[in-house]
Amino acid sequence: MLDGMQAWGAPPEEIATARARMEQNASCPDVESFGVYAENLPAVDAFVSVRTQWQYAGMAGQRMGLNYAGVSAWLDRFVRPRRRRALMADLQLMESAVLKADQDLRKKEE
């Protein structure tokens, strides 16, 4: 992951923060870890980067989807133009999976 961050031009302080979190998580038995194929790393990194762009609605604060204006602004700033369309499709796929998981969780809680 750190190599991917560096390759995509992440600032050194963000790389250092990620390294520290990874070391902290490695020593914490409650944190579940999983592998990511190298070809999927840019999409996962982007998804984590736009995590503040979720829109919520209702009294329960139900997640409704990503704020595409904010996501587009992030893509414009940090992603090469020829990669934006494919990366946006990847983000939408992950967004859909999160919304489906939220729905499944709500049904399970009923």
Protein backbone atom coordinates (compact mmCIF):
# COMPACT_ATOMS: atom_id res chain seq x y z
CA MET A 1 0.00 0.00 0.00
CA LEU A 2 2.79 2.39 0.88
CA ASP A 3 4.41 1.81 -2.52
CA GLY A 4 1.09 2.57 -4.18
CA MET A 5 0.68 5.77 -2.21
CA GLN A 6 4.15 6.86 -3.20
CA ALA A 7 3.57 5.93 -6.84
CA TRP A 8 0.37 8.02 -6.88
CA GLY A 9 2.19 11.01 -5.42
CA ALA A 10 0.86 11.00 -1.87
CA PRO A 11 2.59 13.55 0.37
CA PRO A 12 5.35 12.10 2.59
CA GLU A 13 3.42 12.97 5.76
CA GLU A 14 0.41 10.93 4.58
CA ILE A 15 2.66 7.99 3.79
CA ALA A 16 4.20 8.27 7.26
CA THR A 17 0.73 8.38 8.82
CA ALA A 18 -0.33 5.29 6.85
CA ARG A 19 2.86 3.48 7.89
CA ALA A 20 2.19 4.30 11.55
CA ARG A 21 -1.42 3.08 11.29
CA MET A 22 -0.31 -0.14 9.63
CA GLU A 23 2.22 -0.77 12.40
CA GLN A 24 -0.41 0.00 15.03
CA ASN A 25 -2.95 -2.32 13.39
CA ALA A 26 -0.37 -5.11 13.11
CA SER A 27 -0.07 -5.14 16.89
CA CYS A 28 -3.84 -4.98 17.50
CA PRO A 29 -5.60 -8.37 17.45
CA ASP A 30 -9.07 -6.80 17.02
CA VAL A 31 -8.28 -5.31 13.62
CA GLU A 32 -9.17 -7.49 10.67
CA SER A 33 -6.78 -7.22 7.76
CA PHE A 34 -7.14 -8.37 4.18
CA GLY A 35 -5.11 -8.38 1.02
CA VAL A 36 -5.69 -6.21 -2.02
CA TYR A 37 -4.53 -7.17 -5.49
CA ALA A 38 -2.03 -4.67 -6.88
CA GLU A 39 -4.29 -3.77 -9.80
CA ASN A 40 -7.07 -2.85 -7.35
CA LEU A 41 -4.92 -0.74 -5.05
CA PRO A 42 -5.54 2.60 -6.84
CA ALA A 43 -9.31 2.07 -6.54
CA VAL A 44 -9.08 1.11 -2.86
CA ASP A 45 -6.81 4.07 -2.14
CA ALA A 46 -9.25 6.39 -3.93
CA PHE A 47 -12.20 4.92 -2.03
CA VAL A 48 -10.45 5.56 1.28
CA SER A 49 -9.51 9.07 0.14
CA VAL A 50 -13.12 10.05 -0.65
CA ARG A 51 -14.52 8.52 2.55
CA THR A 52 -15.56 12.00 3.73
CA GLN A 53 -17.90 12.35 0.74
CA TRP A 54 -20.67 10.05 1.99
CA GLN A 55 -24.12 11.65 2.08
CA TYR A 56 -26.52 10.72 4.86
CA ALA A 57 -30.27 11.22 5.22
CA GLY A 58 -33.03 10.73 7.73
CA MET A 59 -33.12 10.68 11.51
CA ALA A 60 -31.09 7.47 11.61
CA GLY A 61 -28.41 8.97 9.39
CA GLN A 62 -28.80 6.36 6.67
CA ARG A 63 -25.96 6.39 4.16
CA MET A 64 -27.36 7.35 0.74
CA GLY A 65 -24.34 7.38 -1.53
CA LEU A 66 -21.30 9.40 -2.38
CA ASN A 67 -21.40 13.12 -3.09
CA TYR A 68 -20.34 12.96 -6.73
CA ALA A 69 -19.41 16.65 -6.87
CA GLY A 70 -16.89 16.11 -4.09
CA VAL A 71 -15.64 12.87 -5.61
CA SER A 72 -15.26 14.56 -9.01
CA ALA A 73 -13.30 17.40 -7.44
CA TRP A 74 -10.98 14.86 -5.79
CA LEU A 75 -10.56 12.97 -9.08
CA ASP A 76 -9.78 16.22 -10.93
CA ARG A 77 -7.12 17.12 -8.41
CA PHE A 78 -5.41 13.80 -7.82
CA VAL A 79 -5.99 11.53 -10.83
CA ARG A 80 -4.62 11.73 -14.34
CA PRO A 81 -7.39 12.55 -16.85
CA ARG A 82 -7.12 9.27 -18.75
CA ARG A 83 -7.68 7.26 -15.53
CA ARG A 84 -10.64 9.21 -14.11
CA ARG A 85 -13.49 7.43 -15.89
CA ALA A 86 -12.29 3.93 -14.94
CA LEU A 87 -11.55 4.97 -11.37
CA MET A 88 -14.99 6.55 -11.03
CA ALA A 89 -16.55 3.27 -12.22
CA ASP A 90 -14.53 1.42 -9.58
CA LEU A 91 -15.68 3.87 -6.90
CA GLN A 92 -19.30 3.43 -7.95
CA LEU A 93 -18.92 -0.34 -7.74
CA MET A 94 -17.56 -0.09 -4.20
CA GLU A 95 -20.24 2.46 -3.30
CA SER A 96 -22.91 0.02 -4.45
CA ALA A 97 -21.36 -2.78 -2.37
CA VAL A 98 -21.32 -0.59 0.75
CA LEU A 99 -24.95 0.44 0.26
CA LYS A 100 -25.95 -3.21 -0.22
CA ALA A 101 -24.05 -4.19 2.94
CA ASP A 102 -25.80 -1.39 4.84
CA GLN A 103 -29.17 -2.64 3.58
CA ASP A 104 -28.36 -6.23 4.59
CA LEU A 105 -27.30 -5.05 8.04
CA ARG A 106 -30.53 -3.07 8.52
CA LYS A 107 -32.61 -6.12 7.52
CA LYS A 108 -30.66 -8.29 9.93
CA GLU A 109 -31.29 -5.80 12.77
CA GLU A 110 -35.08 -5.76 12.15
